[in-house]
Amino acid sequence: MGMHQQEAWRRNLAVLWLGTFIAGMGFSEIMPFLSLYVDDLGTFTKGQLTMYSGVTYAVTFLVIALISPVWGRLADRKGRKLMLLRSSLGMAVVIGAMGFVTNVWQLIGLRFLQGLFAGYIPNASALVAAETPRKQSGRALGVLTTGYVSGNLIGPVLGGILAQVFTIRWTFVLTGILLLIVFTLSATMVHEHFQPVTRDQQAQRGPVLKSFKNPTLILVLLTSTMIIQMGNNSITPIISLYVRQLMHDAGPVTVVAGIIAALPGISTLLSAPKLGEYGDRRGTQRVLIFGYVFAVLMYFPQGFITSVWLLGVFRFMIGISDGALFPVVQTMLTKNSPQELTGTVFSWNQSFQALGSMLGSLLGGVIANWFNYSGVFTFTALTLLLNFLLLWWLVPEIRHWRQRA
């Protein structure tokens, strides 16, 4: 590996960090007030509002879940860079257009299209994973995680402020403009040494799962991605409504909701690189066990509090468990997959993440409707507990982490 190539992966990492940062920001900027925007687009009862918000959130993720594997196969054939360009340009147009809708169905339609153009982040991850020397891959993916996480994090706060200052509609247009910048950066600055996998090679391999040493592990890891993400997202459609309730409908609700939505990201940002490094050194399994146990303990109390401050503290703690769980699952996936399947595996990971987001948004809406907002947090804690037990039972490596550490 020459000096030149070494500089290439570092530059890619830097540019993609910025790209995923802005893409993450673009996605999340509209999240905290999407349900308030839906409320503006018609007259709905509380129940209808929760359900419509759930659907508006969920539809994007449904499409991502279905389409991701197709893009993943295409990425293995045509390169990841092309996918980055497709995604950033498409999202710029679609999100910009959301500022001009006049009813909830147009919004749902555009959210559907947004799903078709998703994929910036997993393709950036796959590109970094493929172009970075293996020894550094844990750290590099940890660094990249901070990119979209901090975007995800600043997004809601910025979005909440923009919505208060300009209007929700203008926020969509500004987000579209930001994504055009990402498109330009990716087009001019990212370089990929790409060896395409031909159609025939893809066909020759037969069923993809056979190429893995341990298919069960891969499936369990993907399911875990889904459940972690489901936990994160069951709260998304209700967060601005829950904050509005905790604040008794007084004060700058969109700004506070934005800050609360952003808090987990801040702590993920601070903890992910450290935990990734610790995992590279002392065994990934330890980090995984910590992440789950901690998450379960932090979700339970969130439904039973009466102050917006406490909600903030617990949301901040959730980010630490995310910082442990997401990169660890990605690292375990990378280490247990053949190199030429990196793109495929990352696209599956995105599919499962999207399924989690979709199930989370829908279940969040439904459960909030049945049990009020507090039920959502209890449900999340229980699901994560089940997920941990499933891993413990099906993945012996995790039980035997002591011997290996």
Protein backbone atom coordinates (compact mmCIF):
# COMPACT_ATOMS: atom_id res chain seq x y z
CA MET A 1 0.00 0.00 0.00
CA GLY A 2 1.74 3.18 -1.22
CA MET A 3 1.78 6.62 0.30
CA HIS A 4 -0.56 7.82 -2.42
CA GLN A 5 -3.18 5.23 -1.68
CA GLN A 6 -2.90 5.93 1.99
CA GLU A 7 -3.64 9.57 1.38
CA ALA A 8 -6.53 8.55 -0.89
CA TRP A 9 -8.37 6.65 1.84
CA ARG A 10 -7.83 9.47 4.31
CA ARG A 11 -9.18 12.03 1.84
CA ASN A 12 -12.16 9.80 1.03
CA LEU A 13 -12.84 9.48 4.73
CA ALA A 14 -12.70 13.26 5.16
CA VAL A 15 -14.97 14.06 2.21
CA LEU A 16 -17.42 11.26 3.01
CA TRP A 17 -17.46 12.35 6.62
CA LEU A 18 -18.65 15.75 5.45
CA GLY A 19 -21.06 14.16 2.97
CA THR A 20 -22.63 11.83 5.52
CA PHE A 21 -22.72 14.71 7.98
CA ILE A 22 -24.80 16.85 5.63
CA ALA A 23 -26.89 13.88 4.46
CA GLY A 24 -27.60 12.93 8.07
CA MET A 25 -28.51 16.52 8.75
CA GLY A 26 -30.81 16.63 5.73
CA PHE A 27 -32.64 13.52 6.81
CA SER A 28 -33.06 14.47 10.43
CA GLU A 29 -33.70 18.17 10.04
CA ILE A 30 -37.29 17.48 9.13
CA MET A 31 -37.84 14.64 11.61
CA PRO A 32 -38.83 16.42 14.84
CA PHE A 33 -41.51 18.58 13.30
CA LEU A 34 -42.78 16.27 10.57
CA SER A 35 -45.77 15.40 12.78
CA LEU A 36 -46.41 19.10 13.40
CA TYR A 37 -46.23 19.67 9.61
CA VAL A 38 -48.75 16.86 9.08
CA ASP A 39 -50.97 18.61 11.63
CA ASP A 40 -50.79 21.79 9.51
CA LEU A 41 -51.89 19.96 6.37
CA GLY A 42 -55.41 19.13 7.58
CA THR A 43 -57.70 18.82 10.58
CA PHE A 44 -57.09 15.56 12.40
CA THR A 45 -58.06 14.03 15.74
CA LYS A 46 -55.23 13.05 18.13
CA GLY A 47 -55.58 9.42 17.01
CA GLN A 48 -55.55 10.29 13.29
CA LEU A 49 -52.57 12.57 13.78
CA THR A 50 -50.53 9.83 15.49
CA MET A 51 -51.40 7.35 12.76
CA TYR A 52 -50.76 9.74 9.83
CA SER A 53 -47.45 10.78 11.38
CA GLY A 54 -46.50 7.13 11.77
CA VAL A 55 -47.29 6.43 8.11
CA THR A 56 -45.49 9.55 6.89
CA TYR A 57 -42.36 8.43 8.74
CA ALA A 58 -42.70 4.77 7.92
CA VAL A 59 -43.28 4.91 4.17
CA THR A 60 -39.74 6.11 3.42
CA PHE A 61 -38.27 3.24 5.38
CA LEU A 62 -40.53 0.65 3.78
CA VAL A 63 -39.17 1.63 0.37
CA ILE A 64 -35.59 1.68 1.63
CA ALA A 65 -36.00 -1.82 3.06
CA LEU A 66 -37.28 -3.20 -0.22
CA ILE A 67 -34.96 -1.35 -2.58
CA SER A 68 -31.66 -1.42 -0.66
CA PRO A 69 -30.57 -4.91 -1.75
CA VAL A 70 -31.12 -3.91 -5.39
CA TRP A 71 -28.92 -0.83 -4.98
CA GLY A 72 -26.40 -2.97 -3.06
CA ARG A 73 -26.03 -5.44 -5.92
CA LEU A 74 -25.75 -2.53 -8.33
CA ALA A 75 -23.09 -0.95 -6.12
CA ASP A 76 -21.03 -4.15 -6.27
CA ARG A 77 -21.31 -4.01 -10.07
CA LYS A 78 -21.03 -0.29 -10.87
CA GLY A 79 -19.20 1.13 -7.90
CA ARG A 80 -20.23 2.94 -4.77
CA LYS A 81 -19.44 6.40 -6.06
CA LEU A 82 -22.22 6.26 -8.64
CA MET A 83 -24.64 5.33 -5.84
CA LEU A 84 -23.49 8.32 -3.79
CA LEU A 85 -24.31 10.62 -6.71
CA ARG A 86 -27.70 9.02 -7.41
CA SER A 87 -28.65 9.32 -3.79
CA SER A 88 -27.55 12.88 -3.06
CA LEU A 89 -29.07 14.37 -6.22
CA GLY A 90 -32.37 12.49 -5.88
CA MET A 91 -32.77 13.44 -2.24
CA ALA A 92 -32.00 17.08 -2.96
CA VAL A 93 -34.88 17.29 -5.44
CA VAL A 94 -37.40 15.30 -3.41
CA ILE A 95 -36.82 16.96 -0.04
CA GLY A 96 -36.83 20.39 -1.67
CA ALA A 97 -40.23 19.56 -3.18
CA MET A 98 -41.70 18.73 0.25
CA GLY A 99 -41.82 22.45 0.97
CA PHE A 100 -44.52 22.84 -1.68
CA VAL A 101 -47.08 20.17 -0.78
CA THR A 102 -50.69 21.09 -0.06
CA ASN A 103 -52.05 17.89 1.54
CA VAL A 104 -50.85 14.94 3.56
CA TRP A 105 -50.99 12.50 0.61
CA GLN A 106 -48.57 14.54 -1.48
CA LEU A 107 -46.22 14.51 1.49
CA ILE A 108 -46.56 10.74 1.84
CA GLY A 109 -45.89 10.39 -1.90
CA LEU A 110 -42.67 12.40 -1.65
CA ARG A 111 -41.59 10.45 1.43
CA PHE A 112 -42.07 7.34 -0.72
CA LEU A 113 -39.76 8.78 -3.39
CA GLN A 114 -37.28 9.79 -0.72
CA GLY A 115 -36.93 6.10 0.06
CA LEU A 116 -35.99 5.34 -3.54
CA PHE A 117 -33.08 7.76 -3.34
CA ALA A 118 -31.80 6.72 0.05
CA GLY A 119 -28.48 4.94 0.39
CA TYR A 120 -25.90 7.67 0.72
CA ILE A 121 -24.74 6.52 4.12
CA PRO A 122 -24.38 2.74 3.62
CA ASN A 123 -22.58 3.33 0.33
CA ALA A 124 -20.23 5.73 2.04
CA SER A 125 -19.66 3.07 4.74
CA ALA A 126 -19.05 0.37 2.16
CA LEU A 127 -16.66 2.60 0.22
CA VAL A 128 -14.70 3.43 3.35
CA ALA A 129 -14.69 -0.23 4.45
CA ALA A 130 -13.40 -1.32 1.03
CA GLU A 131 -10.78 1.40 0.57
CA THR A 132 -9.36 1.43 4.10
CA PRO A 133 -6.63 -1.00 5.17
CA ARG A 134 -8.22 -3.76 7.28
CA LYS A 135 -6.21 -2.90 10.44
CA GLN A 136 -7.72 0.57 10.44
CA SER A 137 -11.25 -0.38 9.44
CA GLY A 138 -12.72 -0.42 12.95
CA ARG A 139 -11.44 3.07 13.62
CA ALA A 140 -12.35 4.44 10.20
CA LEU A 141 -15.93 3.18 10.45
CA GLY A 142 -16.10 4.62 13.97
CA VAL A 143 -15.02 8.00 12.61
CA LEU A 144 -17.52 7.79 9.73
CA THR A 145 -20.30 6.96 12.20
CA THR A 146 -19.60 10.27 13.91
CA GLY A 147 -20.24 12.00 10.58
CA TYR A 148 -23.81 10.99 10.04
CA VAL A 149 -24.52 10.84 13.74
CA SER A 150 -23.47 14.42 14.29
CA GLY A 151 -25.48 15.37 11.21
CA ASN A 152 -28.45 13.52 12.65
CA LEU A 153 -27.89 15.40 15.78
CA ILE A 154 -27.43 18.93 14.63
CA GLY A 155 -30.22 18.38 12.11
CA PRO A 156 -33.17 18.44 14.49
CA VAL A 157 -31.84 21.42 16.44
CA LEU A 158 -31.12 23.37 13.27
CA GLY A 159 -34.44 22.24 11.81
CA GLY A 160 -36.32 23.30 14.92
CA ILE A 161 -34.67 26.71 14.86
CA LEU A 162 -35.15 27.18 11.09
CA ALA A 163 -38.79 26.15 11.41
CA GLN A 164 -39.28 28.73 14.13
CA VAL A 165 -37.40 31.47 12.23
CA PHE A 166 -38.45 30.87 8.61
CA THR A 167 -41.24 28.29 8.39
CA ILE A 168 -41.38 24.54 8.13
CA ARG A 169 -41.78 24.86 4.36
CA TRP A 170 -38.60 26.88 3.93
CA THR A 171 -36.68 24.35 5.99
CA PHE A 172 -37.35 21.70 3.32
CA VAL A 173 -36.07 23.97 0.55
CA LEU A 174 -32.88 24.81 2.47
CA THR A 175 -32.28 21.11 3.11
CA GLY A 176 -32.55 20.45 -0.64
CA ILE A 177 -29.88 23.06 -1.26
CA LEU A 178 -27.55 21.46 1.31
CA LEU A 179 -27.92 18.08 -0.42
CA LEU A 180 -26.93 19.64 -3.74
CA ILE A 181 -23.67 20.63 -2.05
CA VAL A 182 -23.15 16.99 -1.01
CA PHE A 183 -23.72 15.91 -4.61
CA THR A 184 -21.05 18.33 -5.84
CA LEU A 185 -18.50 17.25 -3.21
CA SER A 186 -19.04 13.57 -3.90
CA ALA A 187 -18.76 14.06 -7.64
CA THR A 188 -15.50 16.00 -7.52
CA MET A 189 -13.58 14.76 -4.48
CA VAL A 190 -14.29 11.06 -3.87
CA HIS A 191 -12.07 8.50 -5.57
CA GLU A 192 -12.72 4.81 -5.68
CA HIS A 193 -10.42 2.01 -6.86
CA PHE A 194 -13.22 -0.13 -8.02
CA GLN A 195 -13.09 -3.71 -9.30
CA PRO A 196 -16.58 -4.44 -10.52
CA VAL A 197 -18.21 -7.77 -9.78
CA THR A 198 -19.82 -8.92 -13.02
CA ARG A 199 -23.35 -10.28 -13.33
CA ASP A 200 -21.93 -13.72 -14.05
CA GLN A 201 -19.76 -13.68 -10.94
CA GLN A 202 -22.80 -12.65 -8.95
CA ALA A 203 -24.81 -15.48 -10.48
CA GLN A 204 -21.98 -18.00 -10.05
CA ARG A 205 -21.78 -17.47 -6.33
CA GLY A 206 -25.20 -19.00 -5.95
CA PRO A 207 -27.11 -18.16 -2.80
CA VAL A 208 -25.20 -15.38 -1.10
CA LEU A 209 -25.64 -16.75 2.42
CA LYS A 210 -23.60 -19.83 1.43
CA SER A 211 -20.52 -17.63 0.99
CA PHE A 212 -20.46 -16.84 4.71
CA LYS A 213 -18.62 -18.94 7.26
CA ASN A 214 -21.43 -18.40 9.72
CA PRO A 215 -24.78 -17.41 8.15
CA THR A 216 -26.63 -17.58 11.49
CA LEU A 217 -24.34 -14.94 12.93
CA ILE A 218 -25.00 -12.64 9.96
CA LEU A 219 -28.78 -13.02 10.27
CA VAL A 220 -28.73 -12.47 14.03
CA LEU A 221 -26.58 -9.36 13.59
CA LEU A 222 -28.93 -7.99 10.94
CA THR A 223 -31.93 -8.63 13.17
CA SER A 224 -30.14 -6.79 15.97
CA THR A 225 -29.60 -3.79 13.71
CA MET A 226 -33.33 -3.84 13.05
CA ILE A 227 -34.28 -3.98 16.72
CA ILE A 228 -31.82 -1.29 17.87
CA GLN A 229 -33.13 0.99 15.16
CA MET A 230 -36.71 0.12 16.02
CA GLY A 231 -36.04 1.30 19.56
CA ASN A 232 -34.56 4.54 18.33
CA ASN A 233 -37.45 5.21 16.02
CA SER A 234 -40.49 4.15 17.99
CA ILE A 235 -40.06 7.45 19.76
CA THR A 236 -39.57 9.65 16.69
CA PRO A 237 -43.18 10.21 15.61
CA ILE A 238 -44.29 11.08 19.14
CA ILE A 239 -41.29 13.03 20.41
CA SER A 240 -42.56 16.48 19.46
CA LEU A 241 -46.03 15.55 20.72
CA TYR A 242 -44.62 14.14 24.01
CA VAL A 243 -42.48 17.24 24.50
CA ARG A 244 -45.51 19.42 23.79
CA GLN A 245 -47.37 17.50 26.54
CA LEU A 246 -44.49 17.71 29.06
CA MET A 247 -44.18 21.44 28.41
CA HIS A 248 -47.96 21.88 28.81
CA ASP A 249 -48.14 23.35 25.31
CA ALA A 250 -46.19 26.46 26.32
CA GLY A 251 -42.86 27.74 24.99
CA PRO A 252 -40.74 26.99 21.91
CA VAL A 253 -41.87 23.36 21.40
CA THR A 254 -40.12 22.78 18.05
CA VAL A 255 -36.78 23.99 19.39
CA VAL A 256 -36.97 21.87 22.55
CA ALA A 257 -38.19 18.83 20.59
CA GLY A 258 -35.26 19.37 18.24
CA ILE A 259 -32.78 19.47 21.09
CA ILE A 260 -34.28 16.37 22.75
CA ALA A 261 -34.24 14.52 19.42
CA ALA A 262 -30.59 15.50 19.01
CA LEU A 263 -29.28 14.53 22.44
CA PRO A 264 -28.71 10.82 21.74
CA GLY A 265 -26.58 11.83 18.80
CA ILE A 266 -24.29 14.01 20.90
CA SER A 267 -23.45 11.14 23.21
CA THR A 268 -23.09 8.67 20.32
CA LEU A 269 -20.66 11.10 18.80
CA LEU A 270 -18.59 11.27 21.96
CA SER A 271 -18.70 7.56 22.71
CA ALA A 272 -18.57 5.72 19.33
CA PRO A 273 -14.86 6.24 18.46
CA LYS A 274 -13.77 5.47 22.04
CA LEU A 275 -15.90 2.35 22.27
CA GLY A 276 -14.77 1.25 18.80
CA GLU A 277 -11.14 1.55 19.82
CA TYR A 278 -11.81 -0.30 23.08
CA GLY A 279 -13.52 -3.05 21.07
CA ASP A 280 -10.55 -3.37 18.68
CA ARG A 281 -8.32 -3.72 21.73
CA ARG A 282 -10.30 -5.72 24.29
CA GLY A 283 -12.89 -7.61 22.26
CA THR A 284 -15.99 -6.37 20.50
CA GLN A 285 -18.26 -8.64 22.54
CA ARG A 286 -17.71 -6.71 25.76
CA VAL A 287 -18.84 -3.51 24.11
CA LEU A 288 -21.92 -5.26 22.74
CA ILE A 289 -22.98 -6.64 26.12
CA PHE A 290 -22.50 -3.25 27.77
CA GLY A 291 -24.51 -1.51 25.04
CA TYR A 292 -27.57 -3.72 25.47
CA VAL A 293 -27.68 -3.79 29.23
CA PHE A 294 -27.22 -0.03 29.42
CA ALA A 295 -29.92 0.63 26.80
CA VAL A 296 -32.52 -1.47 28.59
CA LEU A 297 -31.84 0.33 31.87
CA MET A 298 -32.12 3.74 30.20
CA TYR A 299 -35.34 3.16 28.22
CA PHE A 300 -37.55 1.96 31.08
CA PRO A 301 -37.77 5.21 33.07
CA GLN A 302 -38.43 7.49 30.07
CA GLY A 303 -42.16 6.90 30.06
CA PHE A 304 -42.64 7.68 33.74
CA ILE A 305 -41.09 11.10 34.04
CA THR A 306 -42.83 14.43 34.28
CA SER A 307 -40.04 16.81 33.39
CA VAL A 308 -38.60 17.62 30.02
CA TRP A 309 -35.15 17.87 31.65
CA LEU A 310 -35.14 14.26 32.77
CA LEU A 311 -36.27 13.18 29.33
CA GLY A 312 -33.22 14.99 27.99
CA VAL A 313 -30.88 13.20 30.40
CA PHE A 314 -32.19 9.75 29.48
CA ARG A 315 -32.14 10.48 25.75
CA PHE A 316 -28.51 11.50 26.15
CA MET A 317 -27.74 8.14 27.82
CA ILE A 318 -29.43 6.22 24.99
CA GLY A 319 -26.86 7.70 22.62
CA ILE A 320 -24.06 6.02 24.56
CA SER A 321 -25.63 2.62 24.04
CA ASP A 322 -26.08 3.44 20.32
CA GLY A 323 -22.41 4.37 20.18
CA ALA A 324 -21.64 0.91 21.50
CA LEU A 325 -24.12 -1.06 19.43
CA PHE A 326 -24.19 0.27 15.86
CA PRO A 327 -20.44 0.32 15.09
CA VAL A 328 -19.96 -3.04 16.87
CA VAL A 329 -22.62 -4.70 14.76
CA GLN A 330 -21.07 -3.17 11.62
CA THR A 331 -17.58 -4.25 12.62
CA MET A 332 -18.76 -7.78 13.37
CA LEU A 333 -20.51 -7.87 9.99
CA THR A 334 -17.36 -6.66 8.19
CA LYS A 335 -15.09 -9.12 10.00
CA ASN A 336 -17.40 -12.06 9.27
CA SER A 337 -18.06 -11.37 5.57
CA PRO A 338 -15.87 -12.04 2.55
CA GLN A 339 -14.41 -8.78 1.21
CA GLU A 340 -16.23 -8.93 -2.15
CA LEU A 341 -19.57 -9.00 -0.38
CA THR A 342 -19.00 -5.81 1.62
CA GLY A 343 -21.46 -3.83 -0.52
CA THR A 344 -24.12 -6.50 -0.30
CA VAL A 345 -23.84 -6.87 3.45
CA PHE A 346 -23.93 -3.14 4.07
CA SER A 347 -27.01 -2.84 1.89
CA TRP A 348 -28.71 -5.63 3.84
CA ASN A 349 -27.72 -3.85 7.00
CA GLN A 350 -29.42 -0.75 5.64
CA SER A 351 -32.52 -2.75 4.75
CA PHE A 352 -32.79 -4.09 8.24
CA GLN A 353 -32.12 -0.67 9.70
CA ALA A 354 -34.91 0.70 7.53
CA LEU A 355 -37.27 -2.11 8.54
CA GLY A 356 -36.49 -1.22 12.14
CA SER A 357 -37.23 2.44 11.49
CA MET A 358 -40.46 1.52 9.75
CA LEU A 359 -41.65 -0.88 12.44
CA GLY A 360 -40.54 1.60 15.07
CA SER A 361 -42.52 4.50 13.58
CA LEU A 362 -45.64 2.41 13.00
CA LEU A 363 -45.55 0.61 16.35
CA GLY A 364 -44.70 3.87 18.09
CA GLY A 365 -47.82 5.42 16.57
CA VAL A 366 -50.03 2.43 17.39
CA ILE A 367 -48.75 1.88 20.94
CA ALA A 368 -48.96 5.60 21.73
CA ASN A 369 -52.55 5.40 20.55
CA TRP A 370 -53.35 2.45 22.83
CA PHE A 371 -51.27 3.05 25.95
CA ASN A 372 -50.40 6.72 25.72
CA TYR A 373 -46.81 7.87 25.19
CA SER A 374 -45.25 6.07 28.16
CA GLY A 375 -46.10 2.65 26.73
CA VAL A 376 -43.73 3.27 23.84
CA PHE A 377 -40.65 3.43 26.06
CA THR A 378 -41.55 0.31 28.04
CA PHE A 379 -42.17 -1.58 24.81
CA THR A 380 -38.76 -0.51 23.50
CA ALA A 381 -36.94 -1.65 26.63
CA LEU A 382 -38.60 -5.07 26.47
CA THR A 383 -37.75 -5.54 22.79
CA LEU A 384 -34.08 -4.74 23.38
CA LEU A 385 -33.98 -7.15 26.29
CA LEU A 386 -35.39 -9.90 24.03
CA ASN A 387 -32.86 -9.02 21.36
CA PHE A 388 -30.00 -9.36 23.83
CA LEU A 389 -31.25 -12.77 25.01
CA LEU A 390 -31.55 -13.89 21.38
CA LEU A 391 -27.93 -12.91 20.71
CA TRP A 392 -26.75 -14.58 23.89
CA TRP A 393 -28.54 -17.77 22.92
CA LEU A 394 -27.67 -17.91 19.21
CA VAL A 395 -24.16 -16.46 19.11
CA PRO A 396 -21.81 -18.51 21.27
CA GLU A 397 -18.92 -16.07 20.59
CA ILE A 398 -20.67 -13.55 22.78
CA ARG A 399 -21.02 -15.94 25.71
CA HIS A 400 -17.36 -16.92 25.45
CA TRP A 401 -15.95 -13.42 25.25
CA ARG A 402 -13.97 -13.89 28.46
CA GLN A 403 -11.67 -16.53 27.01
CA ARG A 404 -10.91 -14.40 23.99
CA ALA A 405 -10.38 -11.06 25.63
